[in-house]
Amino acid sequence: MELPSSLAEIVAGYRATPNLVGESGGVIHQLDAVGRPTLFLKQGGGRVATDIADEYARLRWLQGRWPVPAIVGYAETEADAWLLTTALPGRAASGWLEDQPDRRETAMRAIAAFLLQMHAVPIATCPFDASLNLRSADAAANVAAGRVDLDELDSEREGWSAEQLWDRFQRLLPIETVPVVTHGDFSLDNIFLDDDGAVTGCLDVGRVGVADCYQDLAILWNSLREFDPGLAEAMFKVYGVAPDRAKIELHLLFDEFF
């Protein structure tokens, strides 16, 4: 890999392996070296570079607030960006739940409690706005530019056009919001657990910002129901709210635009 000199010096002696989990159009490599900590490098140009810059800014702010990867290095040019971080301990919750079906409730309870703690960060301290009002402009731009991936829609919307998605989204507005500091993509791939099922942290924080709590609850519910619909419903009780079906639909539909 061609890297800026500041990063090339840090990773000298490491072996790079492509890692596709969590990739969003850029390149992600896992870096390993004997006797040295595992690192992850994200790099990309254009819109991906903008996403990487957004994640870097949020990672800087989140240090000490949420358990997230530490920043090892960052570099950018007019066209490209590189972000080098530490690895989280444990493994992704998606694989953990897949391998341990008898312990899924334990993991769900830990994840829901962790989300509640994340949402307890005072919104007045957060400099990032992730509200629907702000991000709707980005969603509309993705529709107009044909950037909505219609091959990856949830089963409920399989076969829909981008215009159908947008029309349904507009029909579900407005909603009353409960603003919190949200992760933005709180799926089981982005949550890490240790061997006992305790949460060690979260990653892919490029969408962090103040938004309605269902931005995270809906995506977590959607991820959990792939393993057990009952588990997904029980998550709301642990978190401490009653399921709001309209908000679930709205936020899952909104996620289709990105």
C-alpha atoms as a PDB file:
ATOM      1  CA  MET A   1       0.000   0.000   0.000  1.00  0.00           C
ATOM      2  CA  GLU A   2       1.112   3.537  -0.719  1.00  0.00           C
ATOM      3  CA  LEU A   3       0.761   5.521   2.496  1.00  0.00           C
ATOM      4  CA  PRO A   4       1.635   9.020   3.666  1.00  0.00           C
ATOM      5  CA  SER A   5       5.065   8.962   5.265  1.00  0.00           C
ATOM      6  CA  SER A   6       3.683   9.660   8.744  1.00  0.00           C
ATOM      7  CA  LEU A   7       1.592   6.471   8.622  1.00  0.00           C
ATOM      8  CA  ALA A   8       4.132   4.377   6.709  1.00  0.00           C
ATOM      9  CA  GLU A   9       6.583   4.816   9.566  1.00  0.00           C
ATOM     10  CA  ILE A  10       4.040   3.613  12.128  1.00  0.00           C
ATOM     11  CA  VAL A  11       3.049   0.448  10.235  1.00  0.00           C
ATOM     12  CA  ALA A  12       6.504  -0.555   9.048  1.00  0.00           C
ATOM     13  CA  GLY A  13       6.888  -4.283   9.703  1.00  0.00           C
ATOM     14  CA  TYR A  14       3.160  -4.985   9.762  1.00  0.00           C
ATOM     15  CA  ARG A  15       1.424  -7.431   7.429  1.00  0.00           C
ATOM     16  CA  ALA A  16      -1.804  -6.155   5.856  1.00  0.00           C
ATOM     17  CA  THR A  17      -4.861  -8.343   5.305  1.00  0.00           C
ATOM     18  CA  PRO A  18      -8.020  -7.007   3.592  1.00  0.00           C
ATOM     19  CA  ASN A  19     -10.973  -6.989   5.994  1.00  0.00           C
ATOM     20  CA  LEU A  20     -14.397  -6.652   4.350  1.00  0.00           C
ATOM     21  CA  VAL A  21     -16.636  -6.430   7.446  1.00  0.00           C
ATOM     22  CA  GLY A  22     -17.975  -2.907   7.828  1.00  0.00           C
ATOM     23  CA  GLU A  23     -16.528  -1.767   4.504  1.00  0.00           C
ATOM     24  CA  SER A  24     -18.457   1.098   2.892  1.00  0.00           C
ATOM     25  CA  GLY A  25     -16.792   1.695  -0.447  1.00  0.00           C
ATOM     26  CA  GLY A  26     -13.263   2.217   0.853  1.00  0.00           C
ATOM     27  CA  VAL A  27     -10.466  -0.177   1.699  1.00  0.00           C
ATOM     28  CA  ILE A  28     -10.067  -1.638   5.190  1.00  0.00           C
ATOM     29  CA  HIS A  29      -6.968  -3.592   6.168  1.00  0.00           C
ATOM     30  CA  GLN A  30      -6.170  -5.476   9.332  1.00  0.00           C
ATOM     31  CA  LEU A  31      -2.525  -4.979  10.242  1.00  0.00           C
ATOM     32  CA  ASP A  32      -0.647  -7.607  12.253  1.00  0.00           C
ATOM     33  CA  ALA A  33       2.928  -7.981  13.460  1.00  0.00           C
ATOM     34  CA  VAL A  34       4.506 -10.351  15.959  1.00  0.00           C
ATOM     35  CA  GLY A  35       4.640  -8.812  19.410  1.00  0.00           C
ATOM     36  CA  ARG A  36       2.772  -5.678  18.360  1.00  0.00           C
ATOM     37  CA  PRO A  37      -0.917  -4.720  18.731  1.00  0.00           C
ATOM     38  CA  THR A  38      -3.335  -5.370  15.881  1.00  0.00           C
ATOM     39  CA  LEU A  39      -4.312  -2.209  13.999  1.00  0.00           C
ATOM     40  CA  PHE A  40      -6.923  -1.327  11.403  1.00  0.00           C
ATOM     41  CA  LEU A  41      -6.414   1.028   8.475  1.00  0.00           C
ATOM     42  CA  LYS A  42      -9.230   2.655   6.511  1.00  0.00           C
ATOM     43  CA  GLN A  43      -8.434   4.503   3.316  1.00  0.00           C
ATOM     44  CA  GLY A  44     -10.365   5.886   0.396  1.00  0.00           C
ATOM     45  CA  GLY A  45     -10.970   8.800  -1.932  1.00  0.00           C
ATOM     46  CA  GLY A  46     -13.893  11.000  -2.910  1.00  0.00           C
ATOM     47  CA  ARG A  47     -17.031  10.456  -0.832  1.00  0.00           C
ATOM     48  CA  VAL A  48     -15.284   7.693   1.115  1.00  0.00           C
ATOM     49  CA  ALA A  49     -12.553  10.127   2.131  1.00  0.00           C
ATOM     50  CA  THR A  50     -15.261  12.435   3.465  1.00  0.00           C
ATOM     51  CA  ASP A  51     -16.733   9.535   5.450  1.00  0.00           C
ATOM     52  CA  ILE A  52     -13.318   8.707   6.892  1.00  0.00           C
ATOM     53  CA  ALA A  53     -12.782  12.334   7.890  1.00  0.00           C
ATOM     54  CA  ASP A  54     -16.192  12.318   9.582  1.00  0.00           C
ATOM     55  CA  GLU A  55     -15.273   9.188  11.513  1.00  0.00           C
ATOM     56  CA  TYR A  56     -11.937  10.666  12.569  1.00  0.00           C
ATOM     57  CA  ALA A  57     -13.637  13.776  13.959  1.00  0.00           C
ATOM     58  CA  ARG A  58     -16.131  11.681  15.888  1.00  0.00           C
ATOM     59  CA  LEU A  59     -13.522   9.272  17.205  1.00  0.00           C
ATOM     60  CA  ARG A  60     -11.562  12.200  18.579  1.00  0.00           C
ATOM     61  CA  TRP A  61     -14.629  13.495  20.418  1.00  0.00           C
ATOM     62  CA  LEU A  62     -15.689  10.047  21.673  1.00  0.00           C
ATOM     63  CA  GLN A  63     -12.401   9.219  23.402  1.00  0.00           C
ATOM     64  CA  GLY A  64     -13.245   8.836  27.091  1.00  0.00           C
ATOM     65  CA  ARG A  65     -16.992   8.998  26.439  1.00  0.00           C
ATOM     66  CA  TRP A  66     -17.664   5.644  24.744  1.00  0.00           C
ATOM     67  CA  PRO A  67     -15.381   2.609  24.509  1.00  0.00           C
ATOM     68  CA  VAL A  68     -14.187   3.006  20.911  1.00  0.00           C
ATOM     69  CA  PRO A  69     -10.929   2.308  19.067  1.00  0.00           C
ATOM     70  CA  ALA A  70      -8.058   4.643  19.845  1.00  0.00           C
ATOM     71  CA  ILE A  71      -6.632   6.771  17.053  1.00  0.00           C
ATOM     72  CA  VAL A  72      -3.096   5.780  16.101  1.00  0.00           C
ATOM     73  CA  GLY A  73      -2.730   8.035  13.067  1.00  0.00           C
ATOM     74  CA  TYR A  74      -4.634  10.060  10.483  1.00  0.00           C
ATOM     75  CA  ALA A  75      -3.726  11.740   7.212  1.00  0.00           C
ATOM     76  CA  GLU A  76      -5.612  13.389   4.381  1.00  0.00           C
ATOM     77  CA  THR A  77      -5.024  15.088   1.053  1.00  0.00           C
ATOM     78  CA  GLU A  78      -7.442  16.951  -1.188  1.00  0.00           C
ATOM     79  CA  ALA A  79      -8.565  13.614  -2.630  1.00  0.00           C
ATOM     80  CA  ASP A  80      -7.872  10.876  -0.074  1.00  0.00           C
ATOM     81  CA  ALA A  81      -7.971  10.066   3.635  1.00  0.00           C
ATOM     82  CA  TRP A  82      -6.378   7.419   5.868  1.00  0.00           C
ATOM     83  CA  LEU A  83      -7.419   6.491   9.416  1.00  0.00           C
ATOM     84  CA  LEU A  84      -5.335   4.138  11.552  1.00  0.00           C
ATOM     85  CA  THR A  85      -6.853   2.807  14.790  1.00  0.00           C
ATOM     86  CA  THR A  86      -6.404   0.139  17.415  1.00  0.00           C
ATOM     87  CA  ALA A  87      -8.512  -3.015  17.420  1.00  0.00           C
ATOM     88  CA  LEU A  88     -11.303  -3.591  19.919  1.00  0.00           C
ATOM     89  CA  PRO A  89     -10.946  -6.597  22.229  1.00  0.00           C
ATOM     90  CA  GLY A  90     -13.338  -9.485  21.712  1.00  0.00           C
ATOM     91  CA  ARG A  91     -15.291 -10.221  18.567  1.00  0.00           C
ATOM     92  CA  ALA A  92     -18.261  -8.837  16.649  1.00  0.00           C
ATOM     93  CA  ALA A  93     -21.595  -9.585  18.322  1.00  0.00           C
ATOM     94  CA  SER A  94     -23.005 -10.984  15.080  1.00  0.00           C
ATOM     95  CA  GLY A  95     -20.529 -13.863  15.088  1.00  0.00           C
ATOM     96  CA  TRP A  96     -20.786 -14.276  18.865  1.00  0.00           C
ATOM     97  CA  LEU A  97     -24.558 -14.766  18.722  1.00  0.00           C
ATOM     98  CA  GLU A  98     -24.246 -17.088  15.761  1.00  0.00           C
ATOM     99  CA  ASP A  99     -21.886 -19.398  17.627  1.00  0.00           C
ATOM    100  CA  GLN A 100     -23.599 -19.300  21.038  1.00  0.00           C
ATOM    101  CA  PRO A 101     -27.371 -19.650  20.583  1.00  0.00           C
ATOM    102  CA  ASP A 102     -27.903 -20.656  24.213  1.00  0.00           C
ATOM    103  CA  ARG A 103     -26.385 -17.394  25.481  1.00  0.00           C
ATOM    104  CA  ARG A 104     -28.076 -14.930  23.169  1.00  0.00           C
ATOM    105  CA  GLU A 105     -30.294 -13.439  25.851  1.00  0.00           C
ATOM    106  CA  THR A 106     -27.250 -12.700  28.007  1.00  0.00           C
ATOM    107  CA  ALA A 107     -25.613 -10.864  25.119  1.00  0.00           C
ATOM    108  CA  MET A 108     -28.803  -8.992  24.214  1.00  0.00           C
ATOM    109  CA  ARG A 109     -29.177  -7.722  27.777  1.00  0.00           C
ATOM    110  CA  ALA A 110     -25.575  -6.538  27.820  1.00  0.00           C
ATOM    111  CA  ILE A 111     -25.946  -4.770  24.468  1.00  0.00           C
ATOM    112  CA  ALA A 112     -29.217  -3.051  25.424  1.00  0.00           C
ATOM    113  CA  ALA A 113     -27.738  -1.879  28.740  1.00  0.00           C
ATOM    114  CA  PHE A 114     -24.650  -0.640  26.891  1.00  0.00           C
ATOM    115  CA  LEU A 115     -26.808   1.322  24.450  1.00  0.00           C
ATOM    116  CA  LEU A 116     -28.642   2.941  27.351  1.00  0.00           C
ATOM    117  CA  GLN A 117     -25.304   4.057  28.793  1.00  0.00           C
ATOM    118  CA  MET A 118     -24.209   5.413  25.417  1.00  0.00           C
ATOM    119  CA  HIS A 119     -27.411   7.407  25.134  1.00  0.00           C
ATOM    120  CA  ALA A 120     -26.800   8.920  28.577  1.00  0.00           C
ATOM    121  CA  VAL A 121     -24.023  11.173  27.236  1.00  0.00           C
ATOM    122  CA  PRO A 122     -25.385  14.760  27.529  1.00  0.00           C
ATOM    123  CA  ILE A 123     -26.524  15.976  24.112  1.00  0.00           C
ATOM    124  CA  ALA A 124     -25.351  19.510  24.929  1.00  0.00           C
ATOM    125  CA  THR A 125     -21.770  18.237  24.812  1.00  0.00           C
ATOM    126  CA  CYS A 126     -22.103  16.697  21.324  1.00  0.00           C
ATOM    127  CA  PRO A 127     -21.045  18.885  18.369  1.00  0.00           C
ATOM    128  CA  PHE A 128     -22.560  16.577  15.730  1.00  0.00           C
ATOM    129  CA  ASP A 129     -26.125  16.801  14.390  1.00  0.00           C
ATOM    130  CA  ALA A 130     -27.486  13.529  12.966  1.00  0.00           C
ATOM    131  CA  SER A 131     -31.181  14.456  13.027  1.00  0.00           C
ATOM    132  CA  LEU A 132     -33.559  13.414  10.271  1.00  0.00           C
ATOM    133  CA  ASN A 133     -34.118  17.070   9.395  1.00  0.00           C
ATOM    134  CA  LEU A 134     -30.437  17.502   8.570  1.00  0.00           C
ATOM    135  CA  ARG A 135     -29.680  14.114   7.044  1.00  0.00           C
ATOM    136  CA  SER A 136     -32.802  14.058   4.854  1.00  0.00           C
ATOM    137  CA  ALA A 137     -30.985  16.321   2.405  1.00  0.00           C
ATOM    138  CA  ASP A 138     -28.244  13.684   2.046  1.00  0.00           C
ATOM    139  CA  ALA A 139     -30.856  10.977   1.580  1.00  0.00           C
ATOM    140  CA  ALA A 140     -32.599  12.981  -1.142  1.00  0.00           C
ATOM    141  CA  ALA A 141     -29.263  13.555  -2.879  1.00  0.00           C
ATOM    142  CA  ASN A 142     -28.569   9.806  -2.861  1.00  0.00           C
ATOM    143  CA  VAL A 143     -31.973   9.144  -4.416  1.00  0.00           C
ATOM    144  CA  ALA A 144     -31.423  11.770  -7.128  1.00  0.00           C
ATOM    145  CA  ALA A 145     -27.918  10.480  -7.911  1.00  0.00           C
ATOM    146  CA  GLY A 146     -28.948   6.813  -8.037  1.00  0.00           C
ATOM    147  CA  ARG A 147     -26.761   5.886  -5.078  1.00  0.00           C
ATOM    148  CA  VAL A 148     -29.411   3.882  -3.193  1.00  0.00           C
ATOM    149  CA  ASP A 149     -28.424   0.198  -3.244  1.00  0.00           C
ATOM    150  CA  LEU A 150     -31.712  -1.451  -4.199  1.00  0.00           C
ATOM    151  CA  ASP A 151     -30.123  -4.920  -4.099  1.00  0.00           C
ATOM    152  CA  GLU A 152     -29.576  -4.681  -0.326  1.00  0.00           C
ATOM    153  CA  LEU A 153     -33.047  -3.640   0.844  1.00  0.00           C
ATOM    154  CA  ASP A 154     -34.664  -5.283   3.865  1.00  0.00           C
ATOM    155  CA  SER A 155     -37.162  -8.004   2.969  1.00  0.00           C
ATOM    156  CA  GLU A 156     -40.151  -5.754   3.711  1.00  0.00           C
ATOM    157  CA  ARG A 157     -39.071  -3.395   0.936  1.00  0.00           C
ATOM    158  CA  GLU A 158     -37.561  -5.851  -1.510  1.00  0.00           C
ATOM    159  CA  GLY A 159     -38.289  -4.789  -5.083  1.00  0.00           C
ATOM    160  CA  TRP A 160     -39.038  -1.164  -4.197  1.00  0.00           C
ATOM    161  CA  SER A 161     -37.650   1.690  -6.256  1.00  0.00           C
ATOM    162  CA  ALA A 162     -35.752   4.564  -4.670  1.00  0.00           C
ATOM    163  CA  GLU A 163     -38.726   6.783  -5.408  1.00  0.00           C
ATOM    164  CA  GLN A 164     -41.073   4.412  -3.569  1.00  0.00           C
ATOM    165  CA  LEU A 165     -38.741   4.451  -0.587  1.00  0.00           C
ATOM    166  CA  TRP A 166     -38.679   8.237  -0.564  1.00  0.00           C
ATOM    167  CA  ASP A 167     -42.455   8.530  -0.906  1.00  0.00           C
ATOM    168  CA  ARG A 168     -43.038   6.155   2.018  1.00  0.00           C
ATOM    169  CA  PHE A 169     -40.439   7.972   4.111  1.00  0.00           C
ATOM    170  CA  GLN A 170     -42.206  11.285   3.555  1.00  0.00           C
ATOM    171  CA  ARG A 171     -45.561   9.760   4.516  1.00  0.00           C
ATOM    172  CA  LEU A 172     -44.171   8.652   7.885  1.00  0.00           C
ATOM    173  CA  LEU A 173     -43.073  12.164   8.830  1.00  0.00           C
ATOM    174  CA  PRO A 174     -43.177  14.052  11.122  1.00  0.00           C
ATOM    175  CA  ILE A 175     -42.386  12.194  14.332  1.00  0.00           C
ATOM    176  CA  GLU A 176     -41.852  13.258  17.909  1.00  0.00           C
ATOM    177  CA  THR A 177     -38.210  12.815  18.820  1.00  0.00           C
ATOM    178  CA  VAL A 178     -36.315  11.813  21.943  1.00  0.00           C
ATOM    179  CA  PRO A 179     -32.886  13.255  21.173  1.00  0.00           C
ATOM    180  CA  VAL A 180     -29.806  11.422  22.413  1.00  0.00           C
ATOM    181  CA  VAL A 181     -26.244  10.979  21.200  1.00  0.00           C
ATOM    182  CA  THR A 182     -26.701   8.129  18.724  1.00  0.00           C
ATOM    183  CA  HIS A 183     -24.222   5.765  17.114  1.00  0.00           C
ATOM    184  CA  GLY A 184     -26.032   5.890  13.787  1.00  0.00           C
ATOM    185  CA  ASP A 185     -25.327   2.324  12.634  1.00  0.00           C
ATOM    186  CA  PHE A 186     -25.748   0.261  15.789  1.00  0.00           C
ATOM    187  CA  SER A 187     -25.779  -3.169  14.161  1.00  0.00           C
ATOM    188  CA  LEU A 188     -24.353  -6.350  15.646  1.00  0.00           C
ATOM    189  CA  ASP A 189     -21.362  -6.122  13.280  1.00  0.00           C
ATOM    190  CA  ASN A 190     -20.330  -2.877  14.982  1.00  0.00           C
ATOM    191  CA  ILE A 191     -20.658  -4.094  18.595  1.00  0.00           C
ATOM    192  CA  PHE A 192     -17.918  -6.209  20.190  1.00  0.00           C
ATOM    193  CA  LEU A 193     -18.293  -8.738  23.011  1.00  0.00           C
ATOM    194  CA  ASP A 194     -15.812 -10.615  25.151  1.00  0.00           C
ATOM    195  CA  ASP A 195     -16.012 -14.356  25.843  1.00  0.00           C
ATOM    196  CA  ASP A 196     -18.503 -13.794  28.665  1.00  0.00           C
ATOM    197  CA  GLY A 197     -20.872 -11.718  26.539  1.00  0.00           C
ATOM    198  CA  ALA A 198     -19.929  -8.350  28.025  1.00  0.00           C
ATOM    199  CA  VAL A 199     -19.665  -5.416  25.603  1.00  0.00           C
ATOM    200  CA  THR A 200     -16.097  -4.232  25.007  1.00  0.00           C
ATOM    201  CA  GLY A 201     -16.934  -1.354  22.674  1.00  0.00           C
ATOM    202  CA  CYS A 202     -18.285  -0.256  19.315  1.00  0.00           C
ATOM    203  CA  LEU A 203     -16.755   0.843  16.035  1.00  0.00           C
ATOM    204  CA  ASP A 204     -17.694   2.482  12.695  1.00  0.00           C
ATOM    205  CA  VAL A 205     -18.766   5.718  14.374  1.00  0.00           C
ATOM    206  CA  GLY A 206     -18.852   7.962  11.315  1.00  0.00           C
ATOM    207  CA  ARG A 207     -22.578   8.681  11.771  1.00  0.00           C
ATOM    208  CA  VAL A 208     -22.467   9.588  15.472  1.00  0.00           C
ATOM    209  CA  GLY A 209     -24.596  12.598  16.357  1.00  0.00           C
ATOM    210  CA  VAL A 210     -27.671  13.858  18.151  1.00  0.00           C
ATOM    211  CA  ALA A 211     -30.793  12.169  16.798  1.00  0.00           C
ATOM    212  CA  ASP A 212     -33.855  10.283  17.994  1.00  0.00           C
ATOM    213  CA  CYS A 213     -33.064   7.229  20.121  1.00  0.00           C
ATOM    214  CA  TYR A 214     -34.792   5.017  17.560  1.00  0.00           C
ATOM    215  CA  GLN A 215     -31.972   5.674  15.124  1.00  0.00           C
ATOM    216  CA  ASP A 216     -30.068   3.074  17.160  1.00  0.00           C
ATOM    217  CA  LEU A 217     -32.964   1.066  18.589  1.00  0.00           C
ATOM    218  CA  ALA A 218     -34.443   0.291  15.175  1.00  0.00           C
ATOM    219  CA  ILE A 219     -31.166  -0.972  13.699  1.00  0.00           C
ATOM    220  CA  LEU A 220     -30.395  -3.051  16.780  1.00  0.00           C
ATOM    221  CA  TRP A 221     -33.923  -4.522  16.717  1.00  0.00           C
ATOM    222  CA  ASN A 222     -33.506  -5.356  13.026  1.00  0.00           C
ATOM    223  CA  SER A 223     -30.185  -7.097  13.683  1.00  0.00           C
ATOM    224  CA  LEU A 224     -31.454  -9.100  16.645  1.00  0.00           C
ATOM    225  CA  ARG A 225     -34.594 -10.365  14.908  1.00  0.00           C
ATOM    226  CA  GLU A 226     -32.401 -12.164  12.368  1.00  0.00           C
ATOM    227  CA  PHE A 227     -31.479 -14.464  15.253  1.00  0.00           C
ATOM    228  CA  ASP A 228     -34.733 -14.474  17.238  1.00  0.00           C
ATOM    229  CA  PRO A 229     -37.759 -12.126  16.890  1.00  0.00           C
ATOM    230  CA  GLY A 230     -38.542 -12.645  20.575  1.00  0.00           C
ATOM    231  CA  LEU A 231     -35.052 -11.552  21.504  1.00  0.00           C
ATOM    232  CA  ALA A 232     -35.494  -8.381  19.460  1.00  0.00           C
ATOM    233  CA  GLU A 233     -38.757  -7.536  21.220  1.00  0.00           C
ATOM    234  CA  ALA A 234     -37.268  -8.224  24.670  1.00  0.00           C
ATOM    235  CA  MET A 235     -34.502  -5.726  23.932  1.00  0.00           C
ATOM    236  CA  PHE A 236     -36.952  -2.838  24.311  1.00  0.00           C
ATOM    237  CA  LYS A 237     -37.877  -3.939  27.827  1.00  0.00           C
ATOM    238  CA  VAL A 238     -34.224  -4.033  28.859  1.00  0.00           C
ATOM    239  CA  TYR A 239     -33.666  -0.594  27.350  1.00  0.00           C
ATOM    240  CA  GLY A 240     -36.787   0.691  29.090  1.00  0.00           C
ATOM    241  CA  VAL A 241     -39.167   1.801  26.332  1.00  0.00           C
ATOM    242  CA  ALA A 242     -42.204   0.314  24.626  1.00  0.00           C
ATOM    243  CA  PRO A 243     -41.675  -0.576  20.943  1.00  0.00           C
ATOM    244  CA  ASP A 244     -42.826   2.215  18.613  1.00  0.00           C
ATOM    245  CA  ARG A 245     -43.626   0.499  15.304  1.00  0.00           C
ATOM    246  CA  ALA A 246     -43.892   3.722  13.325  1.00  0.00           C
ATOM    247  CA  LYS A 247     -40.464   4.867  14.487  1.00  0.00           C
ATOM    248  CA  ILE A 248     -38.957   1.457  13.769  1.00  0.00           C
ATOM    249  CA  GLU A 249     -40.275   1.522  10.204  1.00  0.00           C
ATOM    250  CA  LEU A 250     -39.227   5.122   9.664  1.00  0.00           C
ATOM    251  CA  HIS A 251     -35.639   4.663  10.794  1.00  0.00           C
ATOM    252  CA  LEU A 252     -35.116   1.352   9.013  1.00  0.00           C
ATOM    253  CA  LEU A 253     -36.521   2.866   5.847  1.00  0.00           C
ATOM    254  CA  PHE A 254     -34.279   5.901   6.259  1.00  0.00           C
ATOM    255  CA  ASP A 255     -31.256   3.628   6.625  1.00  0.00           C
ATOM    256  CA  GLU A 256     -31.947   2.236   3.144  1.00  0.00           C
ATOM    257  CA  PHE A 257     -30.823   5.542   1.605  1.00  0.00           C
ATOM    258  CA  PHE A 258     -27.217   5.138   2.853  1.00  0.00           C
END
